[in-house]
Structure formats: C-alpha cells, structure tokens
Amino acid sequence: MAEGLALRAAMEQALVLDYNQISFESDSKMLVTAILEDSSYADLHGILSDIKTLKEAFTSVSFRWVNRDSVSSVDLLAKQTLNAFVLNL
C-alpha cells in the first residue's frame, strides 16, 4: 500500500508541476501489474481508482516495474512519504 500512496502523491505533484509526459517506476510488481492490466486488489482498490483517474490527465504516462536493488534510495523516499502522510492525518 505504501507504494500506491507514494505513486498517487507523485502523480499529483507531477500534475501540479504541469508535467504532461512522465514515466513512473516501482519495485512493486503487484502495483504495476494492477495498473497495466486494469485489475484490482482489495488493499489497493481506492488508490488504484485514483491512479486510473490521474493517468487520464497526462498526455503520455507509463509505468514500469524495476528490481528493488535498482531503486533502494527511492524506496527510502517512498517510506518517508508514507510516514509524513500518516503523521498528517
């Protein structure tokens, strides 16, 4: 779920910055697969719905799964984003 929240926040920020074309990478195979195949998981249902809506705002958007070893610094950032989100509830 942390990856989904971080991705949704990144998409929202990209739109605020007026990005029209963007590519997102995640080490969550389940999340990327759910987005690409338009499938749903109970834990991610609301987040996936938001991501689906947000992707329509971009001219070009792509999602790609990457090995966790190649995104370790980004993984730390996602965890920090989630912690900040939870603390601000």
N, C-alpha and C. Protein backbone atom coordinates (compact mmCIF):
# COMPACT_ATOMS: atom_id res chain seq x y z
N MET A 1 0.80 -1.18 0.00
CA MET A 1 0.00 0.00 0.00
C MET A 1 0.86 1.26 0.00
N ALA A 2 2.03 1.22 0.64
CA ALA A 2 2.91 2.39 0.68
C ALA A 2 3.29 2.84 -0.72
N GLU A 3 3.58 1.88 -1.58
CA GLU A 3 3.97 2.20 -2.95
C GLU A 3 2.83 2.88 -3.70
N GLY A 4 1.61 2.41 -3.49
CA GLY A 4 0.45 3.01 -4.14
C GLY A 4 0.22 4.44 -3.67
N LEU A 5 0.35 4.68 -2.37
CA LEU A 5 0.20 6.03 -1.84
C LEU A 5 1.29 6.95 -2.38
N ALA A 6 2.51 6.45 -2.42
CA ALA A 6 3.63 7.26 -2.92
C ALA A 6 3.44 7.57 -4.41
N LEU A 7 2.99 6.58 -5.18
CA LEU A 7 2.77 6.81 -6.61
C LEU A 7 1.66 7.83 -6.83
N ARG A 8 0.59 7.70 -6.09
CA ARG A 8 -0.51 8.67 -6.23
C ARG A 8 -0.03 10.08 -5.89
N ALA A 9 0.75 10.22 -4.82
CA ALA A 9 1.27 11.54 -4.43
C ALA A 9 2.22 12.08 -5.51
N ALA A 10 3.04 11.20 -6.08
CA ALA A 10 3.96 11.63 -7.15
C ALA A 10 3.19 12.09 -8.38
N MET A 11 2.13 11.38 -8.72
CA MET A 11 1.32 11.77 -9.86
C MET A 11 0.66 13.12 -9.63
N GLU A 12 0.14 13.32 -8.43
CA GLU A 12 -0.49 14.60 -8.10
C GLU A 12 0.53 15.74 -8.19
N GLN A 13 1.72 15.50 -7.68
CA GLN A 13 2.77 16.52 -7.72
C GLN A 13 3.21 16.80 -9.16
N ALA A 14 3.30 15.77 -9.98
CA ALA A 14 3.67 15.95 -11.39
C ALA A 14 2.65 16.83 -12.10
N LEU A 15 1.38 16.66 -11.77
CA LEU A 15 0.34 17.49 -12.37
C LEU A 15 0.42 18.93 -11.89
N VAL A 16 0.73 19.11 -10.61
CA VAL A 16 0.91 20.47 -10.07
C VAL A 16 2.06 21.17 -10.81
N LEU A 17 3.10 20.41 -11.13
CA LEU A 17 4.26 20.96 -11.83
C LEU A 17 4.03 21.05 -13.34
N ASP A 18 2.83 20.70 -13.77
CA ASP A 18 2.41 20.79 -15.17
C ASP A 18 3.20 19.85 -16.10
N TYR A 19 3.56 18.68 -15.59
CA TYR A 19 4.20 17.67 -16.44
C TYR A 19 3.12 17.00 -17.28
N ASN A 20 3.35 16.90 -18.58
CA ASN A 20 2.39 16.26 -19.47
C ASN A 20 2.80 14.84 -19.85
N GLN A 21 4.10 14.63 -19.90
CA GLN A 21 4.64 13.32 -20.27
C GLN A 21 5.55 12.85 -19.14
N ILE A 22 5.31 11.64 -18.66
CA ILE A 22 6.07 11.17 -17.50
C ILE A 22 6.10 9.65 -17.46
N SER A 23 7.11 9.12 -16.83
CA SER A 23 7.25 7.68 -16.64
C SER A 23 7.50 7.42 -15.16
N PHE A 24 6.77 6.46 -14.62
CA PHE A 24 6.92 6.09 -13.22
C PHE A 24 7.49 4.68 -13.13
N GLU A 25 8.38 4.48 -12.17
CA GLU A 25 8.96 3.17 -11.92
C GLU A 25 8.65 2.77 -10.48
N SER A 26 8.40 1.49 -10.29
CA SER A 26 8.10 0.99 -8.95
C SER A 26 8.67 -0.42 -8.79
N ASP A 27 9.07 -0.73 -7.58
CA ASP A 27 9.54 -2.10 -7.30
C ASP A 27 8.39 -2.99 -6.84
N SER A 28 7.18 -2.47 -6.87
CA SER A 28 6.01 -3.26 -6.51
C SER A 28 5.40 -3.87 -7.77
N LYS A 29 5.72 -5.13 -7.99
CA LYS A 29 5.21 -5.81 -9.18
C LYS A 29 3.68 -5.87 -9.15
N MET A 30 3.11 -6.09 -7.97
CA MET A 30 1.67 -6.18 -7.85
C MET A 30 1.01 -4.85 -8.26
N LEU A 31 1.57 -3.73 -7.81
CA LEU A 31 1.02 -2.42 -8.13
C LEU A 31 1.11 -2.15 -9.64
N VAL A 32 2.28 -2.35 -10.22
CA VAL A 32 2.46 -2.08 -11.65
C VAL A 32 1.56 -2.99 -12.49
N THR A 33 1.49 -4.25 -12.14
CA THR A 33 0.63 -5.18 -12.86
C THR A 33 -0.84 -4.75 -12.77
N ALA A 34 -1.27 -4.35 -11.58
CA ALA A 34 -2.66 -3.91 -11.40
C ALA A 34 -2.96 -2.69 -12.27
N ILE A 35 -2.01 -1.77 -12.37
CA ILE A 35 -2.21 -0.56 -13.18
C ILE A 35 -2.25 -0.93 -14.66
N LEU A 36 -1.27 -1.72 -15.09
CA LEU A 36 -1.16 -2.04 -16.52
C LEU A 36 -2.30 -2.93 -17.02
N GLU A 37 -2.77 -3.82 -16.16
CA GLU A 37 -3.82 -4.75 -16.56
C GLU A 37 -5.21 -4.29 -16.12
N ASP A 38 -5.27 -3.10 -15.53
CA ASP A 38 -6.53 -2.54 -15.04
C ASP A 38 -7.28 -3.53 -14.14
N SER A 39 -6.49 -4.19 -13.28
CA SER A 39 -7.09 -5.13 -12.34
C SER A 39 -7.18 -4.47 -10.97
N SER A 40 -7.71 -5.19 -10.01
CA SER A 40 -7.93 -4.60 -8.70
C SER A 40 -7.52 -5.57 -7.60
N TYR A 41 -7.05 -5.01 -6.52
CA TYR A 41 -6.74 -5.75 -5.31
C TYR A 41 -7.45 -5.03 -4.17
N ALA A 42 -8.01 -5.77 -3.27
CA ALA A 42 -8.79 -5.18 -2.19
C ALA A 42 -8.01 -4.10 -1.43
N ASP A 43 -6.74 -4.38 -1.13
CA ASP A 43 -5.93 -3.43 -0.37
C ASP A 43 -5.65 -2.14 -1.14
N LEU A 44 -5.68 -2.22 -2.47
CA LEU A 44 -5.31 -1.08 -3.30
C LEU A 44 -6.48 -0.46 -4.06
N HIS A 45 -7.68 -0.96 -3.85
CA HIS A 45 -8.80 -0.57 -4.71
C HIS A 45 -8.97 0.95 -4.85
N GLY A 46 -9.08 1.67 -3.75
CA GLY A 46 -9.28 3.12 -3.81
C GLY A 46 -8.11 3.84 -4.42
N ILE A 47 -6.91 3.39 -4.08
CA ILE A 47 -5.70 4.01 -4.62
C ILE A 47 -5.62 3.76 -6.13
N LEU A 48 -5.91 2.54 -6.56
CA LEU A 48 -5.88 2.23 -8.00
C LEU A 48 -6.91 3.06 -8.76
N SER A 49 -8.05 3.28 -8.16
CA SER A 49 -9.07 4.11 -8.79
C SER A 49 -8.56 5.54 -8.97
N ASP A 50 -7.90 6.06 -7.95
CA ASP A 50 -7.32 7.41 -8.04
C ASP A 50 -6.25 7.47 -9.12
N ILE A 51 -5.38 6.45 -9.17
CA ILE A 51 -4.30 6.41 -10.16
C ILE A 51 -4.89 6.35 -11.57
N LYS A 52 -5.93 5.57 -11.75
CA LYS A 52 -6.58 5.47 -13.06
C LYS A 52 -7.12 6.83 -13.48
N THR A 53 -7.74 7.54 -12.58
CA THR A 53 -8.26 8.87 -12.88
C THR A 53 -7.13 9.85 -13.18
N LEU A 54 -6.08 9.82 -12.37
CA LEU A 54 -4.96 10.73 -12.57
C LEU A 54 -4.23 10.48 -13.89
N LYS A 55 -4.13 9.22 -14.31
CA LYS A 55 -3.39 8.94 -15.55
C LYS A 55 -4.06 9.57 -16.76
N GLU A 56 -5.34 9.82 -16.70
CA GLU A 56 -6.05 10.45 -17.81
C GLU A 56 -5.63 11.91 -18.01
N ALA A 57 -5.05 12.53 -16.98
CA ALA A 57 -4.65 13.93 -17.06
C ALA A 57 -3.34 14.14 -17.80
N PHE A 58 -2.59 13.06 -18.03
CA PHE A 58 -1.31 13.16 -18.72
C PHE A 58 -1.47 12.89 -20.21
N THR A 59 -0.68 13.57 -21.02
CA THR A 59 -0.65 13.30 -22.45
C THR A 59 -0.04 11.92 -22.69
N SER A 60 1.03 11.64 -21.95
CA SER A 60 1.71 10.35 -22.05
C SER A 60 2.19 9.96 -20.66
N VAL A 61 1.82 8.76 -20.25
CA VAL A 61 2.25 8.27 -18.94
C VAL A 61 2.54 6.78 -19.05
N SER A 62 3.63 6.35 -18.42
CA SER A 62 3.96 4.93 -18.44
C SER A 62 4.35 4.48 -17.03
N PHE A 63 4.19 3.19 -16.81
CA PHE A 63 4.50 2.58 -15.53
C PHE A 63 5.37 1.36 -15.80
N ARG A 64 6.43 1.20 -15.01
CA ARG A 64 7.34 0.10 -15.25
C ARG A 64 7.80 -0.48 -13.92
N TRP A 65 7.83 -1.82 -13.88
CA TRP A 65 8.37 -2.50 -12.70
C TRP A 65 9.88 -2.55 -12.81
N VAL A 66 10.55 -2.26 -11.69
CA VAL A 66 12.01 -2.36 -11.63
C VAL A 66 12.40 -3.17 -10.40
N ASN A 67 13.54 -3.81 -10.47
CA ASN A 67 14.06 -4.59 -9.36
C ASN A 67 14.35 -3.69 -8.17
N ARG A 68 14.02 -4.15 -7.00
CA ARG A 68 14.22 -3.36 -5.77
C ARG A 68 15.66 -2.89 -5.61
N ASP A 69 16.63 -3.68 -6.00
CA ASP A 69 18.03 -3.30 -5.86
C ASP A 69 18.35 -2.02 -6.63
N SER A 70 17.64 -1.77 -7.71
CA SER A 70 17.94 -0.60 -8.53
C SER A 70 17.23 0.66 -8.04
N VAL A 71 16.37 0.53 -7.04
CA VAL A 71 15.62 1.70 -6.56
C VAL A 71 15.67 1.84 -5.04
N SER A 72 16.74 1.41 -4.42
CA SER A 72 16.80 1.43 -2.95
C SER A 72 16.67 2.83 -2.38
N SER A 73 17.26 3.85 -3.01
CA SER A 73 17.12 5.21 -2.50
C SER A 73 15.70 5.74 -2.68
N VAL A 74 15.04 5.34 -3.75
CA VAL A 74 13.67 5.75 -3.99
C VAL A 74 12.75 5.04 -3.00
N ASP A 75 13.07 3.80 -2.65
CA ASP A 75 12.28 3.06 -1.67
C ASP A 75 12.28 3.79 -0.33
N LEU A 76 13.43 4.32 0.04
CA LEU A 76 13.53 5.09 1.29
C LEU A 76 12.65 6.34 1.21
N LEU A 77 12.67 7.01 0.07
CA LEU A 77 11.83 8.20 -0.11
C LEU A 77 10.35 7.85 -0.02
N ALA A 78 9.94 6.72 -0.59
CA ALA A 78 8.55 6.29 -0.52
C ALA A 78 8.13 6.05 0.93
N LYS A 79 9.02 5.43 1.70
CA LYS A 79 8.71 5.18 3.11
C LYS A 79 8.61 6.48 3.90
N GLN A 80 9.47 7.43 3.59
CA GLN A 80 9.40 8.73 4.26
C GLN A 80 8.11 9.47 3.90
N THR A 81 7.70 9.36 2.64
CA THR A 81 6.46 9.99 2.19
C THR A 81 5.27 9.39 2.94
N LEU A 82 5.26 8.07 3.06
CA LEU A 82 4.18 7.41 3.77
C LEU A 82 4.15 7.85 5.24
N ASN A 83 5.31 7.90 5.87
CA ASN A 83 5.37 8.34 7.27
C ASN A 83 4.83 9.75 7.42
N ALA A 84 5.19 10.65 6.52
CA ALA A 84 4.71 12.04 6.58
C ALA A 84 3.20 12.06 6.38
N PHE A 85 2.69 11.24 5.46
CA PHE A 85 1.26 11.18 5.20
C PHE A 85 0.50 10.72 6.44
N VAL A 86 1.01 9.67 7.07
CA VAL A 86 0.34 9.12 8.26
C VAL A 86 0.37 10.13 9.41
N LEU A 87 1.49 10.82 9.56
CA LEU A 87 1.61 11.79 10.65
C LEU A 87 0.69 12.99 10.45
N ASN A 88 0.32 13.29 9.21
CA ASN A 88 -0.53 14.45 8.92
C ASN A 88 -2.01 14.12 8.90
N LEU A 89 -2.39 12.90 9.23
CA LEU A 89 -3.82 12.54 9.23
C LEU A 89 -4.55 13.18 10.37
